[in-house]
N, C-alpha and C. Protein backbone atom coordinates (compact mmCIF):
# COMPACT_ATOMS: atom_id res chain seq x y z
N UNK A 1 -13.73 39.61 -3.83
CA UNK A 1 -14.12 39.49 -5.45
C UNK A 1 -14.39 37.86 -5.43
N UNK A 2 -15.21 37.49 -6.53
CA UNK A 2 -14.99 35.86 -6.68
C UNK A 2 -14.96 35.35 -8.35
N UNK A 3 -14.18 34.32 -8.53
CA UNK A 3 -13.61 33.82 -9.52
C UNK A 3 -14.47 33.50 -10.27
N UNK A 4 -14.59 33.28 -11.71
CA UNK A 4 -15.81 33.08 -12.80
C UNK A 4 -14.63 31.70 -13.01
N UNK A 5 -15.84 30.52 -12.89
CA UNK A 5 -15.02 29.26 -13.40
C UNK A 5 -14.91 29.23 -15.01
N UNK A 6 -14.13 28.56 -15.45
CA UNK A 6 -14.43 28.51 -16.84
C UNK A 6 -13.77 27.33 -17.58
N UNK A 7 -14.50 27.09 -18.30
CA UNK A 7 -14.24 25.58 -19.15
C UNK A 7 -13.51 26.17 -20.50
N UNK A 8 -12.57 24.40 -20.73
CA UNK A 8 -11.66 24.76 -21.57
C UNK A 8 -11.29 23.51 -22.16
N UNK A 9 -10.58 23.28 -22.94
CA UNK A 9 -9.63 21.80 -23.03
C UNK A 9 -8.70 22.07 -24.05
N UNK A 10 -7.59 21.68 -23.77
CA UNK A 10 -6.25 21.83 -24.10
C UNK A 10 -5.44 23.43 -23.75
N UNK A 11 -6.78 23.94 -22.68
CA UNK A 11 -6.46 25.35 -22.82
C UNK A 11 -6.77 26.12 -23.87
N UNK A 12 -7.84 25.63 -25.17
CA UNK A 12 -8.72 26.70 -26.25
C UNK A 12 -9.62 26.60 -26.13
N UNK A 13 -10.14 27.87 -26.48
CA UNK A 13 -11.40 27.74 -26.49
C UNK A 13 -12.06 28.36 -24.94
N UNK A 14 -11.68 28.96 -24.27
CA UNK A 14 -11.89 29.40 -23.04
C UNK A 14 -13.55 29.93 -22.86
N UNK A 15 -14.28 29.10 -22.05
CA UNK A 15 -15.33 29.96 -22.09
C UNK A 15 -16.37 30.05 -20.33
N UNK A 16 -16.13 31.54 -20.00
CA UNK A 16 -17.12 30.97 -18.86
C UNK A 16 -18.25 30.23 -18.65
N UNK A 17 -18.25 29.47 -17.38
CA UNK A 17 -18.90 28.69 -16.83
C UNK A 17 -20.61 29.07 -17.06
N UNK A 18 -20.85 30.46 -16.67
CA UNK A 18 -22.36 31.11 -17.03
C UNK A 18 -23.10 31.29 -18.56
N UNK A 19 -21.56 31.49 -19.37
CA UNK A 19 -22.19 31.32 -20.66
C UNK A 19 -22.70 29.84 -21.53
N UNK A 20 -22.33 28.99 -21.06
CA UNK A 20 -22.86 27.69 -21.36
C UNK A 20 -23.78 27.37 -22.33
N UNK A 21 -25.21 27.47 -21.09
CA UNK A 21 -26.58 28.18 -22.17
C UNK A 21 -26.48 28.76 -23.08
N UNK A 22 -25.80 29.58 -23.30
CA UNK A 22 -26.02 30.06 -24.23
C UNK A 22 -24.98 29.76 -25.63
N UNK A 23 -24.72 28.78 -25.80
CA UNK A 23 -24.52 27.86 -27.18
C UNK A 23 -25.38 26.44 -26.86
N UNK A 24 -24.86 26.21 -27.94
CA UNK A 24 -25.44 24.84 -28.58
C UNK A 24 -24.29 23.96 -28.58
N UNK A 25 -24.52 22.49 -27.79
CA UNK A 25 -23.50 21.78 -27.84
C UNK A 25 -23.86 20.81 -29.16
N UNK A 26 -23.08 20.61 -30.15
CA UNK A 26 -22.58 19.37 -30.85
C UNK A 26 -22.02 18.03 -30.98
N UNK A 27 -22.51 16.92 -30.22
CA UNK A 27 -22.30 15.93 -30.15
C UNK A 27 -22.35 15.05 -31.62
N UNK A 28 -21.18 14.00 -31.82
CA UNK A 28 -21.30 13.17 -33.17
C UNK A 28 -21.95 12.16 -32.80
N UNK A 29 -21.91 11.34 -31.82
CA UNK A 29 -22.99 10.40 -31.43
C UNK A 29 -23.56 10.01 -29.85
N UNK A 30 -24.19 9.24 -29.76
CA UNK A 30 -24.56 9.27 -28.44
C UNK A 30 -23.51 8.78 -27.32
N UNK A 31 -22.36 8.28 -27.32
CA UNK A 31 -21.24 7.86 -26.70
C UNK A 31 -21.00 9.32 -26.17
N UNK A 32 -20.88 10.31 -27.43
CA UNK A 32 -20.00 11.69 -26.80
C UNK A 32 -20.96 12.53 -26.25
N UNK A 33 -22.08 12.77 -26.23
CA UNK A 33 -23.35 13.03 -25.31
C UNK A 33 -23.13 12.32 -24.29
N UNK A 34 -23.37 11.52 -24.08
CA UNK A 34 -23.19 10.73 -22.71
C UNK A 34 -21.90 11.19 -21.88
N UNK A 35 -21.00 11.66 -22.81
CA UNK A 35 -19.73 12.36 -21.65
C UNK A 35 -19.76 13.32 -21.16
N UNK A 36 -21.12 14.18 -21.57
CA UNK A 36 -21.35 15.40 -21.06
C UNK A 36 -22.14 15.84 -20.07
N UNK A 37 -21.79 16.37 -19.41
CA UNK A 37 -23.27 16.58 -18.05
C UNK A 37 -23.70 18.30 -18.69
N UNK A 38 -24.85 18.15 -18.46
CA UNK A 38 -25.28 19.71 -18.82
C UNK A 38 -25.58 20.44 -18.02
N UNK A 39 -26.81 22.02 -18.25
CA UNK A 39 -26.94 23.09 -17.27
C UNK A 39 -28.32 22.97 -17.44
N UNK A 40 -29.02 23.43 -16.27
CA UNK A 40 -30.39 24.02 -16.89
C UNK A 40 -30.39 25.09 -18.39
N UNK A 41 -31.06 24.48 -18.93
CA UNK A 41 -31.57 25.30 -20.16
C UNK A 41 -30.69 25.30 -21.22
N UNK A 42 -29.81 24.09 -20.86
CA UNK A 42 -28.64 23.89 -22.01
C UNK A 42 -29.00 22.64 -23.42
N UNK A 43 -28.94 23.08 -24.74
CA UNK A 43 -29.65 22.37 -25.87
C UNK A 43 -28.24 21.49 -26.16
N UNK A 44 -28.54 20.26 -26.54
CA UNK A 44 -27.27 19.91 -27.83
C UNK A 44 -27.85 19.41 -28.95
N UNK A 45 -27.14 18.95 -30.13
CA UNK A 45 -27.51 19.02 -31.28
C UNK A 45 -26.60 17.09 -31.29
N UNK A 46 -27.68 16.50 -31.28
CA UNK A 46 -26.69 15.14 -31.79
C UNK A 46 -26.94 15.13 -33.52
N UNK A 47 -25.84 14.60 -33.70
CA UNK A 47 -25.52 14.15 -34.99
C UNK A 47 -26.03 13.25 -35.76
N UNK A 48 -26.00 11.69 -34.78
CA UNK A 48 -26.51 10.90 -35.18
C UNK A 48 -26.33 10.07 -33.95
N UNK A 49 -26.93 8.30 -33.84
CA UNK A 49 -27.04 7.82 -32.57
C UNK A 49 -25.42 7.34 -32.81
N UNK A 50 -25.13 6.50 -34.36
CA UNK A 50 -23.17 6.24 -34.08
C UNK A 50 -22.77 7.20 -34.96
N UNK A 51 -23.34 7.27 -36.05
CA UNK A 51 -22.59 8.22 -36.94
C UNK A 51 -23.64 9.56 -37.45
N UNK A 52 -22.84 10.00 -38.19
CA UNK A 52 -23.63 11.25 -38.72
C UNK A 52 -24.89 11.12 -39.52
N UNK A 53 -25.65 11.22 -39.38
CA UNK A 53 -27.06 11.10 -40.21
C UNK A 53 -27.78 9.61 -40.81
N UNK A 54 -27.02 9.23 -39.57
CA UNK A 54 -27.55 7.74 -39.40
C UNK A 54 -29.58 7.32 -39.17
N UNK A 55 -30.09 8.68 -38.55
CA UNK A 55 -31.48 8.48 -38.34
C UNK A 55 -31.59 8.51 -37.30
N UNK A 56 -30.91 8.80 -36.10
CA UNK A 56 -30.93 9.05 -34.63
C UNK A 56 -31.01 10.65 -34.48
N UNK A 57 -30.30 11.38 -35.45
CA UNK A 57 -29.89 12.66 -35.11
C UNK A 57 -31.17 13.59 -35.04
N UNK A 58 -30.81 14.47 -33.98
CA UNK A 58 -32.02 15.57 -33.37
C UNK A 58 -31.41 16.10 -32.22
N UNK A 59 -32.33 16.97 -31.38
CA UNK A 59 -32.32 18.11 -30.62
C UNK A 59 -31.78 17.64 -28.71
N UNK A 60 -31.64 17.51 -28.46
CA UNK A 60 -31.62 17.42 -26.84
C UNK A 60 -32.03 18.43 -26.29
N UNK A 61 -32.48 18.59 -24.65
CA UNK A 61 -32.40 19.24 -24.10
C UNK A 61 -31.95 18.94 -22.32
N UNK A 62 -31.27 19.36 -21.31
CA UNK A 62 -31.01 19.05 -20.44
C UNK A 62 -31.78 18.63 -19.25
N UNK A 63 -32.28 18.03 -18.84
CA UNK A 63 -33.34 17.74 -17.97
C UNK A 63 -32.77 17.29 -16.20
N UNK A 64 -32.08 18.43 -15.89
CA UNK A 64 -31.15 18.03 -14.37
C UNK A 64 -32.33 17.26 -13.84
N UNK A 65 -33.41 17.00 -13.65
CA UNK A 65 -34.63 16.10 -12.67
C UNK A 65 -34.41 14.81 -13.30
N UNK A 66 -34.45 14.31 -14.57
CA UNK A 66 -34.50 13.26 -15.16
C UNK A 66 -33.96 12.06 -14.18
N UNK A 67 -34.55 11.00 -14.02
CA UNK A 67 -34.07 9.54 -13.23
C UNK A 67 -34.47 8.44 -14.72
N UNK A 68 -34.74 8.86 -15.84
CA UNK A 68 -35.24 8.11 -16.62
C UNK A 68 -33.83 7.49 -16.86
N UNK A 69 -34.47 5.93 -17.05
CA UNK A 69 -32.79 5.28 -17.54
C UNK A 69 -32.63 5.55 -19.67
N UNK A 70 -31.41 4.96 -19.56
CA UNK A 70 -30.88 5.51 -20.89
C UNK A 70 -31.28 4.47 -21.71
N UNK A 71 -32.19 5.22 -23.48
CA UNK A 71 -32.40 3.73 -23.91
C UNK A 71 -31.68 4.67 -25.25
N UNK A 72 -30.41 5.36 -25.00
CA UNK A 72 -29.76 5.37 -26.79
C UNK A 72 -30.78 5.78 -27.71
N UNK A 73 -31.28 7.08 -27.23
CA UNK A 73 -32.25 7.07 -28.06
C UNK A 73 -33.30 8.41 -28.08
N UNK A 74 -33.89 8.31 -27.01
CA UNK A 74 -34.47 9.61 -26.14
C UNK A 74 -34.13 9.97 -25.11
N UNK A 75 -33.57 9.16 -24.08
CA UNK A 75 -32.68 10.19 -22.93
C UNK A 75 -31.53 9.36 -23.04
N UNK A 76 -30.61 10.28 -22.90
CA UNK A 76 -29.14 9.86 -22.77
C UNK A 76 -28.94 10.04 -21.37
N UNK A 77 -27.97 9.58 -20.54
CA UNK A 77 -27.41 9.17 -19.62
C UNK A 77 -25.95 9.71 -19.07
N UNK A 78 -25.63 10.64 -18.94
CA UNK A 78 -24.16 10.73 -18.79
C UNK A 78 -23.90 9.75 -17.52
N UNK A 79 -22.25 9.41 -18.16
CA UNK A 79 -21.52 8.61 -17.71
C UNK A 79 -21.48 8.38 -16.18
N UNK A 80 -21.69 7.70 -15.28
CA UNK A 80 -21.88 7.87 -13.69
C UNK A 80 -23.13 8.99 -13.13
N UNK A 81 -23.79 9.20 -13.82
CA UNK A 81 -24.85 10.49 -13.16
C UNK A 81 -25.78 9.65 -12.42
N UNK A 82 -26.48 9.96 -11.19
CA UNK A 82 -27.45 9.16 -10.72
C UNK A 82 -28.99 10.01 -11.25
N UNK A 83 -28.83 11.18 -11.46
CA UNK A 83 -30.07 12.09 -11.71
C UNK A 83 -29.45 13.00 -13.10
N UNK A 84 -30.50 13.69 -13.88
CA UNK A 84 -29.95 14.11 -14.84
C UNK A 84 -29.59 13.54 -16.71
N UNK A 85 -30.20 14.18 -17.27
CA UNK A 85 -29.74 13.30 -18.68
C UNK A 85 -30.66 14.17 -19.79
N UNK A 86 -29.72 13.58 -20.58
CA UNK A 86 -30.28 14.90 -22.00
C UNK A 86 -31.53 14.12 -22.37
N UNK A 87 -32.53 14.98 -22.71
CA UNK A 87 -33.79 14.34 -23.51
C UNK A 87 -34.04 14.93 -24.57
N UNK A 88 -34.67 14.06 -26.00
CA UNK A 88 -34.92 14.64 -27.10
C UNK A 88 -36.04 15.36 -27.41
N UNK A 89 -35.63 16.67 -27.76
CA UNK A 89 -36.84 17.39 -28.04
C UNK A 89 -37.92 16.40 -29.03
N UNK A 90 -39.06 16.51 -29.02
CA UNK A 90 -39.97 15.84 -30.46
C UNK A 90 -40.93 17.39 -30.51
N UNK A 91 -41.04 16.76 -31.46
CA UNK A 91 -42.09 17.38 -32.38
C UNK A 91 -43.85 16.89 -32.81
N UNK A 92 -44.68 17.16 -33.10
CA UNK A 92 -45.94 16.37 -34.03
C UNK A 92 -46.09 17.29 -34.73
N UNK A 93 -46.32 16.03 -35.89
CA UNK A 93 -46.87 16.41 -37.17
C UNK A 93 -47.87 16.63 -37.17
N UNK A 94 -48.49 17.57 -38.57
CA UNK A 94 -49.49 18.04 -38.33
C UNK A 94 -50.85 17.28 -38.23
N UNK A 95 -51.07 15.56 -39.08
CA UNK A 95 -51.27 14.91 -39.25
C UNK A 95 -51.99 13.91 -37.50
N UNK A 96 -50.44 13.93 -36.50
CA UNK A 96 -51.03 13.20 -35.53
C UNK A 96 -51.42 14.70 -34.51
N UNK A 97 -50.97 15.96 -34.77
CA UNK A 97 -51.66 16.75 -34.17
C UNK A 97 -53.46 16.53 -33.99
N UNK A 98 -54.07 16.76 -35.13
CA UNK A 98 -54.93 16.55 -35.78
C UNK A 98 -55.91 15.31 -35.19
N UNK A 99 -54.98 14.03 -34.74
CA UNK A 99 -55.62 13.20 -34.46
C UNK A 99 -55.30 13.43 -32.86
N UNK A 100 -54.87 13.71 -32.25
CA UNK A 100 -55.13 14.48 -30.86
C UNK A 100 -56.18 14.94 -30.71
N UNK A 101 -56.18 16.25 -31.46
CA UNK A 101 -56.85 16.87 -31.37
C UNK A 101 -58.82 16.48 -31.24
N UNK A 102 -58.49 15.74 -32.41
CA UNK A 102 -59.87 15.18 -32.74
C UNK A 102 -60.37 13.71 -31.13
N UNK A 103 -59.44 13.29 -30.68
CA UNK A 103 -59.10 12.50 -29.52
C UNK A 103 -60.08 13.19 -28.41
N UNK A 104 -59.24 14.67 -28.60
CA UNK A 104 -59.74 15.17 -27.15
C UNK A 104 -60.71 16.37 -27.42
N UNK A 105 -61.63 16.73 -28.49
CA UNK A 105 -62.46 17.76 -28.61
C UNK A 105 -63.07 18.23 -27.48
N UNK A 106 -64.20 16.98 -27.06
CA UNK A 106 -64.32 17.10 -25.95
C UNK A 106 -64.15 18.17 -25.04
N UNK A 107 -63.27 17.50 -25.07
CA UNK A 107 -61.88 18.40 -23.68
C UNK A 107 -62.03 19.79 -23.81
N UNK A 108 -61.62 19.94 -25.26
CA UNK A 108 -60.80 21.61 -25.16
C UNK A 108 -62.47 22.45 -25.07
N UNK A 109 -61.60 23.95 -24.70
CA UNK A 109 -62.34 24.46 -23.97
C UNK A 109 -63.43 25.00 -25.57
N UNK A 110 -64.52 25.46 -25.56
CA UNK A 110 -64.93 26.05 -26.69
C UNK A 110 -64.16 27.78 -27.60
N UNK A 111 -63.65 28.40 -26.65
CA UNK A 111 -62.88 29.36 -26.56
C UNK A 111 -61.81 29.66 -26.42
N UNK A 112 -60.76 29.93 -27.06
CA UNK A 112 -59.47 30.27 -26.55
C UNK A 112 -59.51 31.80 -25.71
N UNK A 113 -58.87 31.86 -25.16
CA UNK A 113 -58.02 33.12 -24.24
C UNK A 113 -57.79 33.92 -25.23
N UNK A 114 -57.34 35.45 -24.73
CA UNK A 114 -57.46 36.70 -25.41
C UNK A 114 -55.61 36.28 -25.61
N UNK A 115 -55.02 35.53 -25.40
CA UNK A 115 -54.02 35.41 -24.53
C UNK A 115 -53.06 34.33 -25.63
N UNK A 116 -54.07 33.63 -26.29
CA UNK A 116 -53.69 32.29 -27.24
C UNK A 116 -53.16 33.00 -28.45
N UNK A 117 -52.13 32.10 -29.06
CA UNK A 117 -51.33 32.28 -29.84
C UNK A 117 -52.16 32.05 -31.24
N UNK A 118 -51.45 32.60 -32.23
CA UNK A 118 -52.05 32.03 -33.64
C UNK A 118 -51.44 30.51 -34.17
N UNK A 119 -52.21 29.49 -34.47
CA UNK A 119 -51.68 28.41 -34.81
C UNK A 119 -51.90 28.24 -36.66
N UNK A 120 -50.45 27.83 -36.90
CA UNK A 120 -50.06 27.93 -37.91
C UNK A 120 -49.11 26.68 -38.66
N UNK A 121 -49.48 26.23 -40.23
CA UNK A 121 -48.80 25.55 -40.24
C UNK A 121 -47.39 25.32 -41.33
N UNK A 122 -46.64 24.56 -40.65
CA UNK A 122 -44.87 25.28 -40.63
C UNK A 122 -44.26 23.57 -41.60
N UNK A 123 -44.69 23.71 -42.61
CA UNK A 123 -44.14 22.75 -43.58
C UNK A 123 -44.44 21.30 -42.92
N UNK A 124 -45.70 21.22 -42.80
CA UNK A 124 -46.41 19.39 -42.46
C UNK A 124 -46.11 19.51 -39.99
N UNK A 125 -45.31 20.36 -39.82
CA UNK A 125 -45.75 20.73 -38.54
C UNK A 125 -45.96 21.91 -37.70
N UNK A 126 -47.24 21.34 -37.10
CA UNK A 126 -48.43 22.20 -36.44
C UNK A 126 -47.39 23.54 -35.67
N UNK A 127 -47.49 24.85 -35.22
CA UNK A 127 -47.21 25.44 -34.89
C UNK A 127 -47.72 26.59 -33.92
N UNK A 128 -47.41 26.77 -33.19
CA UNK A 128 -48.59 28.23 -32.01
C UNK A 128 -47.29 29.39 -31.84
N UNK A 129 -47.94 29.93 -32.27
CA UNK A 129 -46.70 31.03 -31.50
C UNK A 129 -47.98 32.35 -31.15
């Protein structure tokens, strides 16, 4: 019988380590996020670069293979890590997508495969579902 490792702080909120991917972590600022090493599939919501809602807020995902340097904005490397980082998830606005689409129009197929999703506008962000 194996023992399932658990995560807790001061004995409160014990969670099986295997369940961590089921939760989204929230970090007050990049210093707090930098103190956390993630697991594959884990996401974290950053409330701000220094304080909540200072313009640096956003969602990050754990990239175990990242060796990119910490830039305090799009890549947050945990203290002491030699590999792995929190990478910012980004979205493309409709205008940005149309510019990219226009620039690469000649490289796009003339028909989409039957497995292609539906393209729709979600409040200024182009989505494929």
